[in-house]
Amino acid sequence: MSAELRAAVVEDATGVADVLLSSRRTFLSYAPLAHTDAEVRQWVSEALVPSGGVTVACMGGTVIGFLAATHESSVTWVNQFYIAPGHTGHGIGSGLLTLALASLAFPVRLYTFQANTRARSFYEHHGFKAVAFSDGSANEERCPDVLYELAAPIKPGA
């Protein structure tokens, strides 16, 4: 069964928050959330999903992944990108990213933690280049991070 990819609607907020929280706990335990579960759920339902720019991957009516992007000045940012535990490695993230990149303005940038080697490998596989590393003092988790950029669309066969 393949995932349905679509724009998030208000009713997806609980599922989006569930994916964010479970993914963070499972894959990023070294970078504890700076906010309570209740604060995250409120932010997702009142700010993230209503802001637009959120695409969800659903299977059987359940949100199993999402990508949130915003355009600021001359850069598009992938601000949130999570796949639920148990659903990674099945092409869902690639599908979400490919769909997003088809409509986003370039360059596209995102941050991930330096220790998140799985995500870093994923982004590099999709053509993103590491352009800056920091000690994490500017992020809420205070974990070393890396800034990735995809300057232009990847041409098929490149």
N, C-alpha and C. Protein backbone atom coordinates (compact mmCIF):
# COMPACT_ATOMS: atom_id res chain seq x y z
N MET A 1 0.85 -1.18 0.00
CA MET A 1 0.00 0.00 0.00
C MET A 1 0.89 1.24 0.00
N SER A 2 0.63 2.17 -0.93
CA SER A 2 1.44 3.37 -0.99
C SER A 2 0.75 4.50 -0.23
N ALA A 3 1.54 5.48 0.12
CA ALA A 3 1.03 6.61 0.89
C ALA A 3 0.37 7.62 -0.03
N GLU A 4 -0.69 8.23 0.45
CA GLU A 4 -1.33 9.34 -0.23
C GLU A 4 -0.62 10.61 0.23
N LEU A 5 -0.19 11.44 -0.71
CA LEU A 5 0.46 12.71 -0.40
C LEU A 5 -0.50 13.83 -0.75
N ARG A 6 -0.74 14.72 0.21
CA ARG A 6 -1.69 15.81 -0.02
C ARG A 6 -1.39 16.97 0.93
N ALA A 7 -1.98 18.10 0.63
CA ALA A 7 -1.86 19.26 1.52
C ALA A 7 -2.56 18.95 2.84
N ALA A 8 -1.94 19.37 3.92
CA ALA A 8 -2.52 19.16 5.25
C ALA A 8 -3.76 20.03 5.43
N VAL A 9 -4.71 19.48 6.17
CA VAL A 9 -5.91 20.23 6.56
C VAL A 9 -5.94 20.26 8.08
N VAL A 10 -6.77 21.13 8.62
CA VAL A 10 -6.83 21.33 10.08
C VAL A 10 -7.02 20.00 10.82
N GLU A 11 -7.80 19.11 10.24
CA GLU A 11 -8.06 17.82 10.89
C GLU A 11 -6.82 16.94 10.99
N ASP A 12 -5.77 17.27 10.27
CA ASP A 12 -4.52 16.50 10.32
C ASP A 12 -3.61 16.90 11.48
N ALA A 13 -3.94 17.96 12.18
CA ALA A 13 -3.04 18.50 13.20
C ALA A 13 -2.66 17.47 14.26
N THR A 14 -3.60 16.70 14.73
CA THR A 14 -3.28 15.69 15.76
C THR A 14 -2.31 14.66 15.20
N GLY A 15 -2.55 14.19 13.99
CA GLY A 15 -1.66 13.21 13.37
C GLY A 15 -0.27 13.77 13.11
N VAL A 16 -0.21 15.02 12.67
CA VAL A 16 1.08 15.67 12.44
C VAL A 16 1.85 15.76 13.75
N ALA A 17 1.19 16.19 14.80
CA ALA A 17 1.85 16.29 16.12
C ALA A 17 2.29 14.91 16.60
N ASP A 18 1.46 13.89 16.40
CA ASP A 18 1.84 12.53 16.80
C ASP A 18 3.11 12.09 16.09
N VAL A 19 3.19 12.34 14.79
CA VAL A 19 4.38 11.96 14.02
C VAL A 19 5.60 12.73 14.52
N LEU A 20 5.46 14.03 14.71
CA LEU A 20 6.58 14.84 15.18
C LEU A 20 7.09 14.33 16.52
N LEU A 21 6.20 14.12 17.46
CA LEU A 21 6.61 13.70 18.81
C LEU A 21 7.20 12.30 18.82
N SER A 22 6.58 11.36 18.13
CA SER A 22 7.09 9.99 18.15
C SER A 22 8.41 9.89 17.39
N SER A 23 8.52 10.61 16.30
CA SER A 23 9.76 10.59 15.53
C SER A 23 10.90 11.21 16.32
N ARG A 24 10.64 12.34 16.97
CA ARG A 24 11.68 12.97 17.78
C ARG A 24 12.16 12.03 18.89
N ARG A 25 11.22 11.38 19.57
CA ARG A 25 11.60 10.48 20.67
C ARG A 25 12.38 9.27 20.17
N THR A 26 11.98 8.74 19.03
CA THR A 26 12.61 7.52 18.50
C THR A 26 13.97 7.80 17.85
N PHE A 27 14.02 8.82 17.01
CA PHE A 27 15.22 9.04 16.20
C PHE A 27 16.15 10.13 16.72
N LEU A 28 15.65 11.01 17.57
CA LEU A 28 16.46 12.15 18.02
C LEU A 28 16.49 12.26 19.54
N SER A 29 16.64 11.14 20.20
CA SER A 29 16.62 11.16 21.67
C SER A 29 17.75 11.99 22.26
N TYR A 30 18.82 12.21 21.51
CA TYR A 30 19.95 13.02 21.97
C TYR A 30 19.61 14.52 21.95
N ALA A 31 18.49 14.88 21.32
CA ALA A 31 18.09 16.28 21.20
C ALA A 31 16.68 16.45 21.75
N PRO A 32 16.55 16.43 23.07
CA PRO A 32 15.21 16.53 23.65
C PRO A 32 14.48 17.79 23.20
N LEU A 33 13.18 17.66 23.07
CA LEU A 33 12.36 18.81 22.70
C LEU A 33 12.48 19.90 23.75
N ALA A 34 12.47 21.13 23.29
CA ALA A 34 12.54 22.27 24.20
C ALA A 34 11.16 22.67 24.71
N HIS A 35 10.12 21.97 24.25
CA HIS A 35 8.75 22.28 24.62
C HIS A 35 8.03 21.02 25.08
N THR A 36 7.00 21.20 25.87
CA THR A 36 6.20 20.06 26.34
C THR A 36 5.38 19.51 25.17
N ASP A 37 4.88 18.29 25.34
CA ASP A 37 4.01 17.71 24.32
C ASP A 37 2.81 18.61 24.07
N ALA A 38 2.22 19.14 25.14
CA ALA A 38 1.05 20.00 25.00
C ALA A 38 1.39 21.26 24.20
N GLU A 39 2.55 21.85 24.44
CA GLU A 39 2.97 23.03 23.69
C GLU A 39 3.19 22.71 22.22
N VAL A 40 3.79 21.56 21.94
CA VAL A 40 4.01 21.14 20.55
C VAL A 40 2.67 20.94 19.86
N ARG A 41 1.75 20.24 20.52
CA ARG A 41 0.44 19.99 19.93
C ARG A 41 -0.30 21.30 19.65
N GLN A 42 -0.21 22.24 20.56
CA GLN A 42 -0.86 23.53 20.37
C GLN A 42 -0.24 24.28 19.20
N TRP A 43 1.08 24.29 19.12
CA TRP A 43 1.78 24.97 18.02
C TRP A 43 1.42 24.34 16.68
N VAL A 44 1.38 23.01 16.62
CA VAL A 44 1.03 22.33 15.37
C VAL A 44 -0.38 22.72 14.94
N SER A 45 -1.33 22.69 15.88
CA SER A 45 -2.73 22.94 15.52
C SER A 45 -3.04 24.42 15.29
N GLU A 46 -2.34 25.31 15.98
CA GLU A 46 -2.65 26.74 15.87
C GLU A 46 -1.73 27.51 14.92
N ALA A 47 -0.55 26.98 14.65
CA ALA A 47 0.41 27.72 13.81
C ALA A 47 0.88 26.91 12.60
N LEU A 48 1.44 25.75 12.83
CA LEU A 48 2.08 25.02 11.73
C LEU A 48 1.09 24.64 10.63
N VAL A 49 0.08 23.86 10.96
CA VAL A 49 -0.86 23.40 9.93
C VAL A 49 -1.63 24.56 9.31
N PRO A 50 -2.17 25.50 10.11
CA PRO A 50 -2.90 26.61 9.49
C PRO A 50 -2.05 27.53 8.61
N SER A 51 -0.74 27.53 8.81
CA SER A 51 0.12 28.42 8.02
C SER A 51 0.22 28.00 6.56
N GLY A 52 -0.21 26.78 6.24
CA GLY A 52 -0.07 26.28 4.88
C GLY A 52 1.35 25.77 4.69
N GLY A 53 1.64 25.26 3.54
CA GLY A 53 2.98 24.77 3.27
C GLY A 53 3.29 23.44 3.92
N VAL A 54 2.27 22.76 4.44
CA VAL A 54 2.47 21.46 5.07
C VAL A 54 1.86 20.39 4.17
N THR A 55 2.67 19.42 3.81
CA THR A 55 2.20 18.28 3.03
C THR A 55 2.29 17.06 3.92
N VAL A 56 1.23 16.25 3.91
CA VAL A 56 1.20 15.04 4.72
C VAL A 56 1.24 13.81 3.83
N ALA A 57 1.79 12.75 4.39
CA ALA A 57 1.72 11.42 3.79
C ALA A 57 0.79 10.62 4.69
N CYS A 58 -0.25 10.04 4.09
CA CYS A 58 -1.24 9.29 4.86
C CYS A 58 -1.35 7.87 4.32
N MET A 59 -1.60 6.97 5.22
CA MET A 59 -1.84 5.59 4.86
C MET A 59 -3.05 5.12 5.65
N GLY A 60 -4.07 4.66 4.96
CA GLY A 60 -5.28 4.23 5.65
C GLY A 60 -5.90 5.33 6.47
N GLY A 61 -5.76 6.58 6.03
CA GLY A 61 -6.34 7.71 6.75
C GLY A 61 -5.51 8.23 7.91
N THR A 62 -4.36 7.62 8.17
CA THR A 62 -3.50 8.02 9.27
C THR A 62 -2.28 8.76 8.74
N VAL A 63 -1.96 9.89 9.35
CA VAL A 63 -0.75 10.64 8.98
C VAL A 63 0.47 9.83 9.41
N ILE A 64 1.36 9.56 8.45
CA ILE A 64 2.58 8.81 8.75
C ILE A 64 3.85 9.60 8.44
N GLY A 65 3.67 10.82 7.95
CA GLY A 65 4.80 11.67 7.67
C GLY A 65 4.32 13.04 7.23
N PHE A 66 5.23 14.01 7.31
CA PHE A 66 4.88 15.36 6.83
C PHE A 66 6.13 16.17 6.56
N LEU A 67 5.96 17.15 5.71
CA LEU A 67 7.01 18.10 5.37
C LEU A 67 6.37 19.48 5.39
N ALA A 68 7.02 20.43 6.07
CA ALA A 68 6.54 21.80 6.14
C ALA A 68 7.61 22.73 5.58
N ALA A 69 7.22 23.59 4.66
CA ALA A 69 8.16 24.52 4.03
C ALA A 69 7.58 25.93 4.02
N THR A 70 8.49 26.91 4.09
CA THR A 70 8.10 28.31 3.98
C THR A 70 9.10 29.03 3.09
N HIS A 71 8.64 30.08 2.46
CA HIS A 71 9.52 30.89 1.62
C HIS A 71 9.76 32.22 2.33
N GLU A 72 11.02 32.54 2.55
CA GLU A 72 11.41 33.78 3.22
C GLU A 72 12.46 34.48 2.39
N SER A 73 12.18 35.71 2.02
CA SER A 73 13.10 36.49 1.17
C SER A 73 13.39 35.71 -0.09
N SER A 74 14.62 35.33 -0.30
CA SER A 74 14.99 34.62 -1.52
C SER A 74 15.32 33.16 -1.27
N VAL A 75 14.86 32.63 -0.15
CA VAL A 75 15.18 31.24 0.23
C VAL A 75 13.92 30.52 0.66
N THR A 76 13.80 29.26 0.27
CA THR A 76 12.74 28.40 0.78
C THR A 76 13.35 27.52 1.85
N TRP A 77 12.66 27.41 2.97
CA TRP A 77 13.14 26.60 4.10
C TRP A 77 12.24 25.38 4.30
N VAL A 78 12.85 24.22 4.42
CA VAL A 78 12.13 23.05 4.91
C VAL A 78 12.30 23.12 6.42
N ASN A 79 11.22 23.48 7.10
CA ASN A 79 11.28 23.73 8.54
C ASN A 79 11.04 22.49 9.38
N GLN A 80 10.21 21.60 8.90
CA GLN A 80 9.87 20.38 9.63
C GLN A 80 9.75 19.27 8.60
N PHE A 81 10.31 18.10 8.93
CA PHE A 81 10.24 16.97 8.01
C PHE A 81 10.41 15.71 8.84
N TYR A 82 9.33 14.98 9.04
CA TYR A 82 9.36 13.80 9.89
C TYR A 82 8.56 12.66 9.27
N ILE A 83 9.06 11.46 9.46
CA ILE A 83 8.37 10.24 9.07
C ILE A 83 8.19 9.42 10.35
N ALA A 84 7.01 8.84 10.51
CA ALA A 84 6.71 8.08 11.72
C ALA A 84 7.59 6.84 11.83
N PRO A 85 8.00 6.51 13.05
CA PRO A 85 8.74 5.26 13.25
C PRO A 85 7.94 4.09 12.66
N GLY A 86 8.65 3.18 12.03
CA GLY A 86 8.01 2.05 11.39
C GLY A 86 7.67 2.31 9.93
N HIS A 87 7.81 3.56 9.49
CA HIS A 87 7.49 3.89 8.10
C HIS A 87 8.69 4.46 7.35
N THR A 88 9.85 4.49 7.99
CA THR A 88 11.05 4.98 7.31
C THR A 88 11.60 3.89 6.39
N GLY A 89 12.33 4.31 5.39
CA GLY A 89 12.97 3.36 4.49
C GLY A 89 12.04 2.76 3.45
N HIS A 90 10.85 3.34 3.28
CA HIS A 90 9.88 2.81 2.32
C HIS A 90 9.57 3.81 1.20
N GLY A 91 10.36 4.87 1.09
CA GLY A 91 10.17 5.85 0.03
C GLY A 91 9.21 6.97 0.35
N ILE A 92 8.66 6.99 1.55
CA ILE A 92 7.70 8.02 1.91
C ILE A 92 8.37 9.39 1.98
N GLY A 93 9.53 9.45 2.63
CA GLY A 93 10.26 10.71 2.70
C GLY A 93 10.70 11.19 1.33
N SER A 94 11.16 10.27 0.49
CA SER A 94 11.56 10.65 -0.87
C SER A 94 10.37 11.20 -1.64
N GLY A 95 9.21 10.57 -1.47
CA GLY A 95 8.01 11.05 -2.15
C GLY A 95 7.61 12.44 -1.69
N LEU A 96 7.63 12.66 -0.38
CA LEU A 96 7.30 13.99 0.16
C LEU A 96 8.28 15.04 -0.36
N LEU A 97 9.57 14.73 -0.32
CA LEU A 97 10.58 15.70 -0.75
C LEU A 97 10.47 15.97 -2.24
N THR A 98 10.30 14.94 -3.04
CA THR A 98 10.18 15.12 -4.49
C THR A 98 8.97 15.99 -4.83
N LEU A 99 7.84 15.72 -4.18
CA LEU A 99 6.64 16.52 -4.41
C LEU A 99 6.89 17.98 -4.02
N ALA A 100 7.50 18.19 -2.88
CA ALA A 100 7.77 19.55 -2.42
C ALA A 100 8.71 20.28 -3.37
N LEU A 101 9.78 19.62 -3.77
CA LEU A 101 10.77 20.27 -4.63
C LEU A 101 10.21 20.64 -6.00
N ALA A 102 9.16 19.95 -6.41
CA ALA A 102 8.54 20.26 -7.70
C ALA A 102 7.85 21.62 -7.70
N SER A 103 7.53 22.14 -6.52
CA SER A 103 6.82 23.42 -6.46
C SER A 103 7.53 24.50 -5.66
N LEU A 104 8.63 24.16 -5.00
CA LEU A 104 9.32 25.15 -4.18
C LEU A 104 10.28 25.99 -5.01
N ALA A 105 10.49 27.23 -4.58
CA ALA A 105 11.47 28.11 -5.21
C ALA A 105 12.85 27.77 -4.65
N PHE A 106 13.84 27.84 -5.49
CA PHE A 106 15.21 27.53 -5.08
C PHE A 106 15.97 28.82 -4.80
N PRO A 107 16.96 28.78 -3.94
CA PRO A 107 17.50 27.61 -3.25
C PRO A 107 16.58 27.15 -2.11
N VAL A 108 16.71 25.86 -1.77
CA VAL A 108 15.99 25.27 -0.65
C VAL A 108 17.02 24.93 0.42
N ARG A 109 16.73 25.36 1.64
CA ARG A 109 17.65 25.11 2.75
C ARG A 109 16.93 24.41 3.89
N LEU A 110 17.70 23.75 4.71
CA LEU A 110 17.18 23.11 5.90
C LEU A 110 18.31 22.86 6.87
N TYR A 111 17.95 22.71 8.12
CA TYR A 111 18.89 22.34 9.16
C TYR A 111 18.57 20.93 9.63
N THR A 112 19.60 20.22 10.01
CA THR A 112 19.44 18.97 10.73
C THR A 112 20.58 18.89 11.74
N PHE A 113 20.44 18.01 12.70
CA PHE A 113 21.49 17.86 13.69
C PHE A 113 22.66 17.10 13.09
N GLN A 114 23.87 17.49 13.47
CA GLN A 114 25.05 16.80 12.97
C GLN A 114 25.00 15.31 13.29
N ALA A 115 24.47 14.96 14.45
CA ALA A 115 24.41 13.56 14.86
C ALA A 115 23.36 12.75 14.11
N ASN A 116 22.49 13.41 13.37
CA ASN A 116 21.42 12.72 12.64
C ASN A 116 21.97 12.21 11.30
N THR A 117 22.81 11.20 11.38
CA THR A 117 23.50 10.69 10.19
C THR A 117 22.55 10.12 9.16
N ARG A 118 21.45 9.54 9.61
CA ARG A 118 20.48 8.98 8.66
C ARG A 118 19.85 10.09 7.82
N ALA A 119 19.45 11.18 8.47
CA ALA A 119 18.87 12.31 7.73
C ALA A 119 19.91 12.95 6.84
N ARG A 120 21.12 13.10 7.32
CA ARG A 120 22.17 13.72 6.52
C ARG A 120 22.42 12.92 5.25
N SER A 121 22.47 11.61 5.38
CA SER A 121 22.67 10.75 4.22
C SER A 121 21.50 10.90 3.24
N PHE A 122 20.28 10.95 3.78
CA PHE A 122 19.08 11.12 2.96
C PHE A 122 19.17 12.43 2.15
N TYR A 123 19.47 13.54 2.82
CA TYR A 123 19.53 14.82 2.14
C TYR A 123 20.64 14.84 1.09
N GLU A 124 21.78 14.30 1.43
CA GLU A 124 22.89 14.27 0.47
C GLU A 124 22.54 13.41 -0.74
N HIS A 125 21.84 12.31 -0.52
CA HIS A 125 21.38 11.44 -1.61
C HIS A 125 20.45 12.22 -2.56
N HIS A 126 19.72 13.16 -2.01
CA HIS A 126 18.78 13.96 -2.81
C HIS A 126 19.40 15.27 -3.31
N GLY A 127 20.72 15.38 -3.25
CA GLY A 127 21.42 16.50 -3.86
C GLY A 127 21.72 17.68 -2.98
N PHE A 128 21.30 17.65 -1.73
CA PHE A 128 21.62 18.75 -0.82
C PHE A 128 23.09 18.72 -0.46
N LYS A 129 23.67 19.90 -0.28
CA LYS A 129 25.08 20.03 0.11
C LYS A 129 25.16 20.72 1.47
N ALA A 130 26.03 20.21 2.32
CA ALA A 130 26.28 20.86 3.61
C ALA A 130 27.03 22.16 3.33
N VAL A 131 26.50 23.27 3.85
CA VAL A 131 27.13 24.57 3.59
C VAL A 131 27.63 25.25 4.85
N ALA A 132 27.18 24.79 6.03
CA ALA A 132 27.65 25.40 7.29
C ALA A 132 27.38 24.45 8.45
N PHE A 133 28.30 24.45 9.39
CA PHE A 133 28.17 23.66 10.61
C PHE A 133 28.21 24.61 11.79
N SER A 134 27.41 24.31 12.84
CA SER A 134 27.46 25.16 14.03
C SER A 134 27.50 24.30 15.28
N ASP A 135 27.78 24.97 16.39
CA ASP A 135 27.85 24.28 17.68
C ASP A 135 26.47 24.10 18.31
N GLY A 136 25.42 24.57 17.64
CA GLY A 136 24.06 24.41 18.14
C GLY A 136 23.60 25.52 19.07
N SER A 137 24.43 26.51 19.31
CA SER A 137 24.04 27.57 20.25
C SER A 137 22.85 28.38 19.76
N ALA A 138 22.52 28.31 18.47
CA ALA A 138 21.40 29.07 17.94
C ALA A 138 20.10 28.27 17.85
N ASN A 139 20.13 26.97 18.17
CA ASN A 139 18.88 26.21 18.13
C ASN A 139 18.37 25.92 19.54
N GLU A 140 17.10 25.62 19.65
CA GLU A 140 16.48 25.42 20.96
C GLU A 140 17.05 24.24 21.73
N GLU A 141 17.49 23.22 21.02
CA GLU A 141 17.99 22.01 21.66
C GLU A 141 19.45 22.12 22.08
N ARG A 142 20.13 23.12 21.56
CA ARG A 142 21.56 23.35 21.83
C ARG A 142 22.43 22.17 21.39
N CYS A 143 22.04 21.58 20.25
CA CYS A 143 22.78 20.46 19.67
C CYS A 143 23.45 20.92 18.38
N PRO A 144 24.69 20.52 18.16
CA PRO A 144 25.38 20.90 16.92
C PRO A 144 24.53 20.55 15.69
N ASP A 145 24.47 21.51 14.77
CA ASP A 145 23.65 21.29 13.58
C ASP A 145 24.44 21.56 12.31
N VAL A 146 23.80 21.24 11.19
CA VAL A 146 24.39 21.47 9.88
C VAL A 146 23.31 22.07 8.98
N LEU A 147 23.71 23.09 8.24
CA LEU A 147 22.83 23.74 7.27
C LEU A 147 23.07 23.10 5.91
N TYR A 148 21.98 22.63 5.30
CA TYR A 148 22.04 22.04 3.96
C TYR A 148 21.35 22.96 2.97
N GLU A 149 21.82 22.90 1.72
CA GLU A 149 21.21 23.69 0.66
C GLU A 149 21.15 22.88 -0.63
N LEU A 150 20.05 23.03 -1.32
CA LEU A 150 19.90 22.55 -2.68
C LEU A 150 19.72 23.80 -3.52
N ALA A 151 20.75 24.16 -4.27
CA ALA A 151 20.77 25.44 -4.96
C ALA A 151 19.83 25.49 -6.16
N ALA A 152 19.65 24.36 -6.82
CA ALA A 152 18.81 24.30 -8.02
C ALA A 152 18.24 22.89 -8.14
N PRO A 153 17.18 22.75 -8.91
CA PRO A 153 16.61 21.41 -9.08
C PRO A 153 17.65 20.45 -9.66
N ILE A 154 17.57 19.22 -9.22
CA ILE A 154 18.45 18.19 -9.75
C ILE A 154 17.86 17.71 -11.08
N LYS A 155 18.69 17.68 -12.11
CA LYS A 155 18.22 17.22 -13.40
C LYS A 155 18.22 15.70 -13.44
N PRO A 156 17.19 15.10 -14.02
CA PRO A 156 17.15 13.65 -14.11
C PRO A 156 18.44 13.10 -14.74
N GLY A 157 18.95 12.05 -14.15
CA GLY A 157 20.17 11.43 -14.65
C GLY A 157 21.44 12.10 -14.17
N ALA A 158 21.31 13.19 -13.41
CA ALA A 158 22.50 13.92 -12.93
C ALA A 158 23.06 13.27 -11.68
